[in-house]
Amino acid sequence: MSGETGTAARGELHGARDRRPGRWLALAVLALAVLLVAVDATVLGLATPFLSEDLRPSGTQLLWIGDVYSFVIAGLLVSMGSLGDRIGRKRLLLCGAVAFGAVSVLNAYASSPEMMIAARALLGVAGATLMPSTLALIRNIFQDPQERSLAIGIWGAMASAGAAVGPVVGGFLLENFWWGSVFLINLPVMAVLVLVGIKLLPESKDPAPGPWDLPSVLLSMAGIVAVVYAIKEGATHGLSWQVGGIAAFGVLALTGFVRRQLSLDAPLLDMRLFHHRGFSAAVLADLLTVLGLSGMVFFLSQFLQLVQDRSPLEAGLAELPAAIGAVTAGLLAGQAARRWSVRSVVAGGLGAIGLALAALMWLSAGTDYPVLGAVLLVVGVGAGLSFTVTADVILSSVPKEQAGSAAAVSETAYELGAALGIAVLGSIVTGVYRDFAVPAGIPPASAAEARESLGGAVESAGALPADLGDALLGSARDAFVEGLRIASGVGALVLLATAVAAWFLLRGQRLEEGYGG
């Protein structure tokens, strides 16, 4: 009995020693960084029509403006997570924050499509330093497992809030200022992050990291960028020898990366992390969840604006229930996983998202908002539960010294899931949409423009006589909604299958208890 008392006393002493003063203020600083990256990922979509009018990019340039940020950030996450483990996560985060603010100005004042593409690529480099660093610092600041679960919940909640606040803030700015203003909102937030972070954030890194292996960095980036590019290109333009060749190159590069990691004494990414069943299951669950959700997330703003005629600001506000659900569930997820089990919370959250997506199979242009709002609320709750607990599992499965690498793997799974989801589900929506029956009497040029995108159909309809324009727009909207219904059904199947897989793969997985808990 005395031995047990001594162990508990040592645990409480260890917990008290590791509860850093100012840790919650430090978390607030890290949450700011996450909020900003999430906002920045969503505002560009709203700004694209205004940016197109000003910079006049070609169709290919417009795709690169939209995609290059995600290509670069996906390609560099693993390398940057490992770099933070080596040189210090605080140092990497603060340098990245300064770069993010400076490059935001370059984005705001870009004067040509080429300059905008370069600015978005540089923003991706800076963004890749922020996400793994924030999650890794949380792992090191919060040693008490229950406090860490709450901190990860707040971190995830800010990511969800940023994704929802982005359209609202972006909509407001675009209705009152020029398109570059959506990038300038980064500056005051980054200034606060740097000034307060210097004082409050503790430095942490791997005490014996070994050298940063440049060939591994190049293989990792080449492989991930090639795979993501091939997926998106195949979805947009269909399969071709060129797309197949790029995909094969990416797979070969990633195979070379894995083989090199297994042969190095100090690998960029320790492949032994994947031997932990909980780690691998959580990463896989994240990837498949984002894949299944991507169709709804990617096309919902278009549905709200181009099918239901809402303004950008109204569309942003309409999506808020998802953020409210995610924030609330994220804060309670760790407590729920300890009370019941990790697998029941993750599988239950994924199952709820799957059922909500299945409900969208009955979506129509005239669907009342309360129905849509309820679906979004359930999706948010499910995502808040599953993403928060899987992030906790991923971080608690690895030693503190490898927190940056583990966080980077988690973020890379998210990016790859998004790319795969937009490719697979996006191609379903696009395929169904492009086959819609054009009403008689529509000029061939107008019909061709309308089949390119729903936005193109809106523009074509505006240039036609009222009766023809209404007929064209009605057919285009019906086809878009039909594609969205089918994509939602596929997404629902993916999420429900992932829920079943999580139930079995996360069997026996538990979150750590707090000191004295």
Protein backbone atom coordinates (compact mmCIF):
# COMPACT_ATOMS: atom_id res chain seq x y z
CA MET A 1 0.00 0.00 0.00
CA SER A 2 2.81 2.40 0.91
CA GLY A 3 4.43 1.66 -2.47
CA GLU A 4 1.22 2.65 -4.24
CA THR A 5 1.00 5.81 -2.14
CA GLY A 6 4.60 6.68 -3.02
CA THR A 7 3.95 6.12 -6.73
CA ALA A 8 0.86 8.33 -6.63
CA ALA A 9 2.77 11.03 -4.74
CA ARG A 10 5.58 10.92 -7.28
CA GLY A 11 3.02 11.13 -10.11
CA GLU A 12 1.34 14.15 -8.51
CA LEU A 13 4.72 15.81 -7.92
CA HIS A 14 5.72 15.09 -11.53
CA GLY A 15 2.39 16.49 -12.76
CA ALA A 16 2.71 19.65 -10.66
CA ARG A 17 6.26 20.18 -11.89
CA ASP A 18 5.18 19.77 -15.54
CA ARG A 19 2.18 22.07 -15.31
CA ARG A 20 3.93 25.10 -16.73
CA PRO A 21 2.72 28.54 -15.63
CA GLY A 22 1.22 30.42 -18.53
CA ARG A 23 0.54 27.22 -20.47
CA TRP A 24 -3.05 28.22 -21.30
CA LEU A 25 -1.89 31.60 -22.60
CA ALA A 26 0.69 29.75 -24.67
CA LEU A 27 -2.12 27.57 -26.03
CA ALA A 28 -4.05 30.73 -26.99
CA VAL A 29 -1.04 31.82 -29.07
CA LEU A 30 -0.86 28.43 -30.81
CA ALA A 31 -4.61 28.48 -31.41
CA LEU A 32 -4.20 31.83 -33.20
CA ALA A 33 -1.78 30.23 -35.67
CA VAL A 34 -4.17 27.35 -36.38
CA LEU A 35 -7.12 29.72 -36.76
CA LEU A 36 -5.20 31.77 -39.30
CA VAL A 37 -4.10 28.82 -41.46
CA ALA A 38 -7.68 27.48 -41.46
CA VAL A 39 -9.13 30.89 -42.40
CA ASP A 40 -6.56 31.30 -45.17
CA ALA A 41 -7.48 27.93 -46.67
CA THR A 42 -11.13 28.98 -47.13
CA VAL A 43 -11.10 32.67 -48.07
CA LEU A 44 -9.42 32.18 -51.45
CA GLY A 45 -12.45 30.32 -52.82
CA LEU A 46 -14.68 33.32 -52.17
CA ALA A 47 -12.12 35.78 -53.54
CA THR A 48 -11.51 33.83 -56.78
CA PRO A 49 -14.24 35.53 -58.91
CA PHE A 50 -12.96 39.01 -57.91
CA LEU A 51 -9.31 38.02 -58.36
CA SER A 52 -10.10 36.55 -61.82
CA GLU A 53 -11.73 39.79 -62.93
CA ASP A 54 -8.67 41.82 -61.88
CA LEU A 55 -5.72 39.57 -62.84
CA ARG A 56 -7.34 37.83 -65.86
CA PRO A 57 -5.66 34.42 -65.36
CA SER A 58 -6.13 31.63 -67.89
CA GLY A 59 -8.06 28.53 -66.82
CA THR A 60 -4.81 26.65 -66.10
CA GLN A 61 -3.36 29.58 -64.14
CA LEU A 62 -6.54 29.80 -62.07
CA LEU A 63 -6.24 26.11 -61.16
CA TRP A 64 -2.63 26.65 -60.08
CA ILE A 65 -3.60 29.68 -57.97
CA GLY A 66 -6.10 27.45 -56.17
CA ASP A 67 -3.98 24.30 -55.93
CA VAL A 68 -0.33 25.30 -55.50
CA TYR A 69 -0.80 26.22 -51.80
CA SER A 70 -2.09 22.74 -50.96
CA PHE A 71 0.56 21.04 -53.16
CA VAL A 72 3.42 22.79 -51.37
CA ILE A 73 2.00 22.46 -47.87
CA ALA A 74 1.32 18.73 -48.38
CA GLY A 75 4.78 18.14 -49.82
CA LEU A 76 6.63 19.92 -47.00
CA LEU A 77 4.69 18.89 -43.86
CA VAL A 78 6.77 15.81 -43.04
CA SER A 79 10.05 17.64 -43.71
CA MET A 80 9.03 20.67 -41.63
CA GLY A 81 7.77 18.52 -38.75
CA SER A 82 11.13 16.77 -38.65
CA LEU A 83 13.01 20.09 -38.98
CA GLY A 84 11.12 21.42 -35.95
CA ASP A 85 12.16 18.33 -33.96
CA ARG A 86 15.78 19.18 -34.84
CA ILE A 87 16.15 22.98 -34.65
CA GLY A 88 13.35 23.70 -32.16
CA ARG A 89 9.59 23.91 -32.69
CA LYS A 90 9.27 27.40 -31.21
CA ARG A 91 12.01 28.74 -33.48
CA LEU A 92 10.44 27.15 -36.57
CA LEU A 93 6.95 28.37 -35.63
CA LEU A 94 8.03 31.99 -35.09
CA CYS A 95 10.14 32.09 -38.27
CA GLY A 96 7.22 30.61 -40.18
CA ALA A 97 4.82 33.16 -38.69
CA VAL A 98 7.00 36.08 -39.79
CA ALA A 99 7.28 34.57 -43.29
CA PHE A 100 3.51 33.93 -43.41
CA GLY A 101 2.79 37.58 -42.63
CA ALA A 102 5.31 38.90 -45.17
CA VAL A 103 4.12 36.61 -47.97
CA SER A 104 0.48 37.53 -47.21
CA VAL A 105 1.33 41.09 -48.32
CA LEU A 106 2.78 39.66 -51.54
CA ASN A 107 -0.51 37.77 -52.10
CA ALA A 108 -2.62 40.85 -51.43
CA TYR A 109 -0.76 43.05 -53.91
CA ALA A 110 -0.03 40.48 -56.64
CA SER A 111 -0.28 42.22 -60.00
CA SER A 112 -0.18 39.24 -62.37
CA PRO A 113 -1.28 35.57 -62.38
CA GLU A 114 2.36 34.43 -62.31
CA MET A 115 3.10 36.58 -59.26
CA MET A 116 -0.02 35.23 -57.53
CA ILE A 117 0.98 31.61 -58.17
CA ALA A 118 4.49 32.26 -56.77
CA ALA A 119 3.03 34.07 -53.74
CA ARG A 120 0.62 31.18 -53.01
CA ALA A 121 3.50 28.68 -53.26
CA LEU A 122 5.59 30.70 -50.77
CA LEU A 123 2.57 30.91 -48.45
CA GLY A 124 2.43 27.10 -48.58
CA VAL A 125 6.08 26.90 -47.47
CA ALA A 126 5.31 29.16 -44.49
CA GLY A 127 2.06 27.34 -43.70
CA ALA A 128 3.87 23.99 -43.59
CA THR A 129 5.96 25.27 -40.64
CA LEU A 130 2.92 26.25 -38.56
CA MET A 131 0.61 23.24 -38.24
CA PRO A 132 3.05 20.49 -37.11
CA SER A 133 4.82 22.95 -34.79
CA THR A 134 1.61 23.95 -32.99
CA LEU A 135 0.51 20.37 -32.30
CA ALA A 136 4.02 19.27 -31.29
CA LEU A 137 4.35 22.20 -28.85
CA ILE A 138 1.01 21.24 -27.27
CA ARG A 139 2.40 17.71 -26.75
CA ASN A 140 5.36 19.18 -24.86
CA ILE A 141 3.64 22.02 -22.97
CA PHE A 142 0.84 19.83 -21.57
CA GLN A 143 2.37 16.84 -19.82
CA ASP A 144 -0.82 15.95 -17.94
CA PRO A 145 -2.81 13.71 -20.34
CA GLN A 146 -6.25 15.08 -19.39
CA GLU A 147 -5.07 18.67 -19.79
CA ARG A 148 -3.47 17.69 -23.10
CA SER A 149 -6.76 16.21 -24.33
CA LEU A 150 -8.54 19.48 -23.56
CA ALA A 151 -5.73 21.47 -25.22
CA ILE A 152 -5.96 19.31 -28.36
CA GLY A 153 -9.73 19.81 -28.29
CA ILE A 154 -9.26 23.59 -28.22
CA TRP A 155 -6.64 23.31 -31.02
CA GLY A 156 -9.05 21.29 -33.16
CA ALA A 157 -11.93 23.61 -32.31
CA MET A 158 -9.94 26.60 -33.56
CA ALA A 159 -9.20 24.78 -36.83
CA SER A 160 -12.93 24.09 -37.25
CA ALA A 161 -13.84 27.64 -36.25
CA GLY A 162 -11.33 29.04 -38.75
CA ALA A 163 -12.79 26.96 -41.57
CA ALA A 164 -16.24 28.38 -40.80
CA VAL A 165 -15.19 31.93 -39.89
CA GLY A 166 -13.17 32.19 -43.14
CA PRO A 167 -16.22 32.44 -45.42
CA VAL A 168 -17.98 34.86 -43.04
CA VAL A 169 -14.98 37.20 -42.68
CA GLY A 170 -14.10 36.79 -46.36
CA GLY A 171 -17.69 37.52 -47.40
CA PHE A 172 -17.76 40.69 -45.30
CA LEU A 173 -14.40 41.93 -46.63
CA LEU A 174 -15.27 41.18 -50.26
CA GLU A 175 -18.54 43.07 -49.97
CA ASN A 176 -16.74 46.14 -48.58
CA PHE A 177 -13.10 46.09 -49.80
CA TRP A 178 -10.93 44.79 -52.67
CA TRP A 179 -9.98 41.09 -52.92
CA GLY A 180 -6.48 41.57 -51.46
CA SER A 181 -8.00 42.47 -48.08
CA VAL A 182 -8.69 38.78 -47.37
CA PHE A 183 -4.91 38.23 -47.14
CA LEU A 184 -4.10 41.34 -45.10
CA ILE A 185 -6.15 40.05 -42.13
CA ASN A 186 -3.17 37.73 -41.53
CA LEU A 187 -0.87 40.60 -40.50
CA PRO A 188 -2.28 41.67 -37.11
CA VAL A 189 -2.79 38.04 -36.06
CA MET A 190 0.77 37.09 -36.99
CA ALA A 191 2.13 40.15 -35.19
CA VAL A 192 0.38 39.08 -31.96
CA LEU A 193 1.53 35.48 -32.46
CA VAL A 194 5.20 36.48 -32.79
CA LEU A 195 5.30 39.11 -30.02
CA VAL A 196 3.44 37.01 -27.45
CA GLY A 197 4.98 33.71 -28.60
CA ILE A 198 8.53 34.98 -27.96
CA LYS A 199 7.60 35.51 -24.30
CA LEU A 200 5.26 32.60 -23.57
CA LEU A 201 6.16 29.61 -25.74
CA PRO A 202 8.78 27.21 -24.34
CA GLU A 203 11.36 25.81 -26.74
CA SER A 204 11.29 22.06 -27.31
CA LYS A 205 13.15 19.72 -29.64
CA ASP A 206 14.64 16.26 -29.93
CA PRO A 207 17.78 16.25 -27.72
CA ALA A 208 19.63 13.82 -30.07
CA PRO A 209 18.09 14.37 -33.49
CA GLY A 210 20.85 13.51 -35.94
CA PRO A 211 21.32 15.37 -39.25
CA TRP A 212 18.41 16.60 -41.43
CA ASP A 213 18.69 14.30 -44.45
CA LEU A 214 18.28 16.38 -47.63
CA PRO A 215 17.71 13.41 -50.02
CA SER A 216 14.83 12.31 -47.77
CA VAL A 217 13.36 15.82 -47.91
CA LEU A 218 13.51 15.84 -51.73
CA LEU A 219 12.05 12.33 -52.05
CA SER A 220 9.24 13.14 -49.63
CA MET A 221 8.27 16.37 -51.37
CA ALA A 222 8.58 14.98 -54.91
CA GLY A 223 6.51 11.91 -54.03
CA ILE A 224 3.66 13.66 -52.23
CA VAL A 225 3.41 16.56 -54.69
CA ALA A 226 3.41 14.17 -57.68
CA VAL A 227 0.71 11.94 -56.16
CA VAL A 228 -1.51 14.87 -55.16
CA TYR A 229 -1.02 16.53 -58.56
CA ALA A 230 -1.86 13.30 -60.43
CA ILE A 231 -5.02 12.81 -58.36
CA LYS A 232 -6.27 16.36 -58.96
CA GLU A 233 -5.27 16.38 -62.64
CA GLY A 234 -6.95 13.02 -63.23
CA ALA A 235 -10.14 14.28 -61.61
CA THR A 236 -10.16 17.51 -63.64
CA HIS A 237 -9.13 16.25 -67.08
CA GLY A 238 -9.54 12.47 -66.88
CA LEU A 239 -6.94 9.71 -66.89
CA SER A 240 -4.11 9.91 -69.42
CA TRP A 241 -0.61 8.54 -69.96
CA GLN A 242 0.81 11.77 -68.58
CA VAL A 243 -1.24 11.54 -65.37
CA GLY A 244 -0.31 7.86 -65.02
CA GLY A 245 3.38 8.66 -65.49
CA ILE A 246 3.30 11.41 -62.82
CA ALA A 247 1.47 9.09 -60.40
CA ALA A 248 4.02 6.32 -61.01
CA PHE A 249 6.89 8.76 -60.42
CA GLY A 250 5.25 9.84 -57.14
CA VAL A 251 4.81 6.24 -55.94
CA LEU A 252 8.45 5.42 -56.83
CA ALA A 253 9.69 8.52 -54.97
CA LEU A 254 7.64 7.63 -51.87
CA THR A 255 8.90 4.02 -52.05
CA GLY A 256 12.46 5.36 -52.19
CA PHE A 257 11.67 7.64 -49.23
CA VAL A 258 10.41 4.73 -47.10
CA ARG A 259 13.39 2.51 -48.01
CA ARG A 260 15.81 5.33 -47.16
CA GLN A 261 14.15 5.93 -43.77
CA LEU A 262 14.56 2.26 -42.89
CA SER A 263 18.30 2.42 -43.66
CA LEU A 264 19.17 5.67 -41.82
CA ASP A 265 20.33 5.85 -38.20
CA ALA A 266 18.50 9.20 -37.80
CA PRO A 267 15.60 9.08 -40.28
CA LEU A 268 13.53 12.09 -41.26
CA LEU A 269 10.44 10.04 -40.31
CA ASP A 270 10.78 7.01 -38.04
CA MET A 271 8.74 4.33 -39.85
CA ARG A 272 8.51 2.37 -36.60
CA LEU A 273 5.78 4.81 -35.56
CA PHE A 274 3.46 2.88 -37.86
CA HIS A 275 4.06 -0.34 -35.88
CA HIS A 276 1.80 1.15 -33.19
CA ARG A 277 -1.71 -0.01 -34.09
CA GLY A 278 -3.39 3.01 -32.50
CA PHE A 279 -1.16 5.46 -34.41
CA SER A 280 -1.73 3.78 -37.78
CA ALA A 281 -5.48 3.38 -37.19
CA ALA A 282 -5.87 7.04 -36.20
CA VAL A 283 -3.91 8.27 -39.25
CA LEU A 284 -5.98 6.04 -41.57
CA ALA A 285 -9.23 7.19 -39.96
CA ASP A 286 -8.26 10.86 -40.49
CA LEU A 287 -7.37 10.28 -44.14
CA LEU A 288 -10.61 8.43 -44.96
CA THR A 289 -12.79 10.84 -42.98
CA VAL A 290 -11.47 13.87 -44.86
CA LEU A 291 -11.81 11.93 -48.13
CA GLY A 292 -15.49 11.21 -47.45
CA LEU A 293 -16.22 14.77 -46.28
CA SER A 294 -14.40 16.58 -49.09
CA GLY A 295 -17.23 16.41 -51.61
CA MET A 296 -19.67 18.15 -49.28
CA VAL A 297 -17.15 20.71 -48.04
CA PHE A 298 -15.89 21.54 -51.54
CA PHE A 299 -19.29 21.90 -53.23
CA LEU A 300 -21.50 23.18 -50.40
CA SER A 301 -20.49 26.84 -50.84
CA GLN A 302 -21.34 26.57 -54.55
CA PHE A 303 -24.71 25.01 -53.70
CA LEU A 304 -25.56 27.77 -51.23
CA GLN A 305 -24.48 30.61 -53.55
CA LEU A 306 -25.19 29.37 -57.09
CA VAL A 307 -28.20 27.09 -56.47
CA GLN A 308 -29.90 28.82 -53.54
CA ASP A 309 -28.84 32.37 -54.53
CA ARG A 310 -27.20 33.36 -51.23
CA SER A 311 -24.52 36.05 -50.98
CA PRO A 312 -20.97 35.03 -49.92
CA LEU A 313 -21.66 36.36 -46.41
CA GLU A 314 -25.00 34.51 -46.15
CA ALA A 315 -23.34 31.30 -47.37
CA GLY A 316 -20.63 31.67 -44.74
CA LEU A 317 -23.18 32.20 -41.97
CA ALA A 318 -25.22 29.23 -43.22
CA GLU A 319 -22.20 26.95 -42.68
CA LEU A 320 -21.71 28.03 -39.03
CA PRO A 321 -23.61 25.07 -37.43
CA ALA A 322 -20.78 22.75 -38.54
CA ALA A 323 -18.25 24.91 -36.66
CA ILE A 324 -20.46 25.22 -33.58
CA GLY A 325 -20.88 21.42 -33.46
CA ALA A 326 -17.15 20.80 -34.02
CA VAL A 327 -16.05 23.31 -31.36
CA THR A 328 -18.45 21.96 -28.73
CA ALA A 329 -17.72 18.29 -29.42
CA GLY A 330 -13.97 18.90 -29.65
CA LEU A 331 -13.89 20.35 -26.14
CA LEU A 332 -15.76 17.35 -24.71
CA ALA A 333 -14.18 14.60 -26.82
CA GLY A 334 -11.29 13.69 -24.48
CA GLN A 335 -13.61 13.41 -21.47
CA ALA A 336 -16.03 11.28 -23.50
CA ALA A 337 -13.26 8.94 -24.69
CA ARG A 338 -12.13 8.35 -21.10
CA ARG A 339 -15.66 7.78 -19.84
CA TRP A 340 -16.61 5.32 -22.58
CA SER A 341 -13.74 4.33 -24.91
CA VAL A 342 -11.62 5.69 -27.74
CA ARG A 343 -13.16 3.38 -30.30
CA SER A 344 -16.75 4.14 -29.33
CA VAL A 345 -16.23 7.93 -29.57
CA VAL A 346 -14.29 7.79 -32.85
CA ALA A 347 -16.56 5.19 -34.47
CA GLY A 348 -19.66 6.97 -33.15
CA GLY A 349 -18.48 10.31 -34.53
CA LEU A 350 -17.67 8.83 -37.93
CA GLY A 351 -20.99 6.97 -38.04
CA ALA A 352 -22.85 10.21 -37.28
CA ILE A 353 -21.09 11.97 -40.18
CA GLY A 354 -21.90 9.03 -42.45
CA LEU A 355 -25.62 9.17 -41.60
CA ALA A 356 -25.68 12.96 -42.06
CA LEU A 357 -24.10 12.61 -45.51
CA ALA A 358 -26.62 9.88 -46.35
CA ALA A 359 -29.41 12.38 -45.54
CA LEU A 360 -28.02 14.67 -48.26
CA MET A 361 -28.99 12.05 -50.84
CA TRP A 362 -32.45 13.64 -50.64
CA LEU A 363 -31.10 17.17 -51.17
CA SER A 364 -32.90 19.43 -53.65
CA ALA A 365 -32.57 23.04 -54.79
CA GLY A 366 -35.52 23.92 -52.55
CA THR A 367 -34.32 22.12 -49.40
CA ASP A 368 -35.24 24.28 -46.40
CA TYR A 369 -32.34 25.66 -44.37
CA PRO A 370 -33.33 24.04 -41.02
CA VAL A 371 -32.79 20.61 -42.63
CA LEU A 372 -29.42 21.63 -44.06
CA GLY A 373 -28.43 23.32 -40.79
CA ALA A 374 -29.24 20.16 -38.81
CA VAL A 375 -27.14 18.03 -41.18
CA LEU A 376 -24.20 20.46 -40.83
CA LEU A 377 -24.53 20.43 -37.03
CA VAL A 378 -24.35 16.60 -36.94
CA VAL A 379 -21.35 16.63 -39.31
CA GLY A 380 -19.61 19.15 -37.05
CA VAL A 381 -20.26 17.15 -33.88
CA GLY A 382 -19.04 13.93 -35.49
CA ALA A 383 -15.90 15.59 -36.88
CA GLY A 384 -15.15 17.31 -33.56
CA LEU A 385 -15.33 13.99 -31.69
CA SER A 386 -13.33 11.88 -34.15
CA PHE A 387 -10.60 14.35 -35.17
CA THR A 388 -9.87 15.43 -31.59
CA VAL A 389 -9.55 11.89 -30.25
CA THR A 390 -7.47 10.64 -33.19
CA ALA A 391 -5.09 13.62 -32.76
CA ASP A 392 -4.75 12.73 -29.08
CA VAL A 393 -4.07 9.06 -29.93
CA ILE A 394 -1.45 10.03 -32.54
CA LEU A 395 0.45 12.32 -30.15
CA SER A 396 0.24 10.03 -27.11
CA SER A 397 1.48 7.05 -29.17
CA VAL A 398 4.95 8.54 -29.74
CA PRO A 399 7.79 9.83 -27.56
CA LYS A 400 7.82 13.59 -26.91
CA GLU A 401 10.97 13.94 -29.00
CA GLN A 402 9.11 12.79 -32.14
CA ALA A 403 6.01 14.90 -31.61
CA GLY A 404 6.76 17.09 -34.64
CA SER A 405 7.09 14.12 -36.99
CA ALA A 406 3.92 12.52 -35.63
CA ALA A 407 1.95 15.76 -35.98
CA ALA A 408 3.25 16.15 -39.53
CA VAL A 409 2.06 12.64 -40.45
CA SER A 410 -1.38 13.52 -39.09
CA GLU A 411 -1.52 16.74 -41.12
CA THR A 412 -0.22 15.00 -44.27
CA ALA A 413 -2.99 12.40 -43.97
CA TYR A 414 -5.46 15.28 -43.82
CA GLU A 415 -4.03 16.92 -46.96
CA LEU A 416 -3.90 13.64 -48.90
CA GLY A 417 -7.46 12.82 -47.82
CA ALA A 418 -8.64 16.22 -49.07
CA ALA A 419 -6.86 15.75 -52.41
CA LEU A 420 -8.26 12.25 -52.86
CA GLY A 421 -11.75 13.32 -51.81
CA ILE A 422 -11.90 16.30 -54.16
CA ALA A 423 -10.53 14.09 -56.94
CA VAL A 424 -12.88 11.13 -56.43
CA LEU A 425 -16.04 12.89 -55.28
CA GLY A 426 -15.34 15.99 -57.35
CA SER A 427 -15.10 13.88 -60.48
CA ILE A 428 -18.51 12.36 -59.68
CA VAL A 429 -20.14 15.79 -59.36
CA THR A 430 -18.34 17.10 -62.45
CA GLY A 431 -19.14 13.99 -64.50
CA VAL A 432 -22.86 14.10 -63.70
CA TYR A 433 -22.99 17.85 -64.20
CA ARG A 434 -21.32 17.92 -67.62
CA ASP A 435 -23.85 15.43 -69.04
CA PHE A 436 -26.90 17.59 -68.31
CA ALA A 437 -29.42 18.03 -71.10
CA VAL A 438 -29.15 21.54 -72.58
CA PRO A 439 -32.63 22.94 -73.43
CA ALA A 440 -33.47 23.51 -77.10
CA GLY A 441 -32.62 26.92 -78.54
CA ILE A 442 -29.45 27.51 -76.47
CA PRO A 443 -26.52 28.69 -78.68
CA PRO A 444 -23.63 26.13 -78.82
CA ALA A 445 -21.11 28.60 -77.31
CA SER A 446 -23.40 29.27 -74.32
CA ALA A 447 -24.04 25.54 -73.87
CA ALA A 448 -20.28 24.80 -73.91
CA GLU A 449 -19.59 27.50 -71.28
CA ALA A 450 -22.47 26.27 -69.12
CA ARG A 451 -21.12 22.70 -69.14
CA GLU A 452 -17.70 23.86 -67.86
CA SER A 453 -19.01 24.79 -64.41
CA LEU A 454 -22.12 25.95 -62.58
CA GLY A 455 -20.56 29.43 -62.36
CA GLY A 456 -20.21 29.35 -66.15
CA ALA A 457 -23.89 28.41 -66.45
CA VAL A 458 -24.88 31.39 -64.31
CA GLU A 459 -22.84 33.72 -66.55
CA SER A 460 -24.22 32.17 -69.77
CA ALA A 461 -27.79 32.39 -68.51
CA GLY A 462 -27.34 36.09 -67.71
CA ALA A 463 -26.42 36.82 -71.33
CA LEU A 464 -29.47 35.02 -72.79
CA PRO A 465 -33.14 36.09 -73.08
CA ALA A 466 -34.96 35.55 -69.77
CA ASP A 467 -36.90 32.41 -70.76
CA LEU A 468 -33.87 30.66 -72.30
CA GLY A 469 -31.61 31.75 -69.45
CA ASP A 470 -34.02 30.40 -66.82
CA ALA A 471 -34.35 27.08 -68.68
CA LEU A 472 -30.56 26.69 -68.98
CA LEU A 473 -29.93 27.60 -65.36
CA GLY A 474 -32.69 25.28 -64.15
CA SER A 475 -31.20 22.30 -66.01
CA ALA A 476 -27.68 23.13 -64.83
CA ARG A 477 -28.74 23.45 -61.19
CA ASP A 478 -30.69 20.19 -61.30
CA ALA A 479 -27.63 18.37 -62.70
CA PHE A 480 -25.31 19.92 -60.08
CA VAL A 481 -27.63 18.89 -57.23
CA GLU A 482 -27.92 15.36 -58.68
CA GLY A 483 -24.11 15.09 -58.74
CA LEU A 484 -23.93 16.39 -55.17
CA ARG A 485 -26.51 13.80 -54.05
CA ILE A 486 -24.51 10.92 -55.59
CA ALA A 487 -21.21 12.22 -54.15
CA SER A 488 -22.84 12.51 -50.71
CA GLY A 489 -23.98 8.88 -50.98
CA VAL A 490 -20.44 7.73 -51.82
CA GLY A 491 -19.07 9.87 -48.99
CA ALA A 492 -21.60 8.31 -46.60
CA LEU A 493 -20.42 4.79 -47.57
CA VAL A 494 -16.77 5.79 -47.02
CA LEU A 495 -17.54 7.26 -43.57
CA LEU A 496 -19.68 4.32 -42.42
CA ALA A 497 -17.01 1.84 -43.58
CA THR A 498 -14.36 3.91 -41.75
CA ALA A 499 -16.51 3.86 -38.59
CA VAL A 500 -16.61 0.04 -38.71
CA ALA A 501 -12.85 -0.15 -39.35
CA ALA A 502 -12.15 2.24 -36.45
CA TRP A 503 -14.28 0.10 -34.13
CA PHE A 504 -12.01 -2.91 -34.77
CA LEU A 505 -8.62 -1.20 -35.27
CA LEU A 506 -8.89 0.98 -32.15
CA ARG A 507 -9.93 -1.95 -29.94
CA GLY A 508 -8.26 -1.66 -26.54
CA GLN A 509 -6.86 1.81 -27.29
CA ARG A 510 -7.15 4.15 -24.31
CA LEU A 511 -6.23 7.76 -23.63
CA GLU A 512 -3.80 8.27 -20.76
CA GLU A 513 -5.29 9.27 -17.43
CA GLY A 514 -4.21 12.49 -15.72
CA TYR A 515 -1.82 12.53 -12.76
CA GLY A 516 -3.72 11.29 -9.79
CA GLY A 517 -6.67 10.57 -12.15
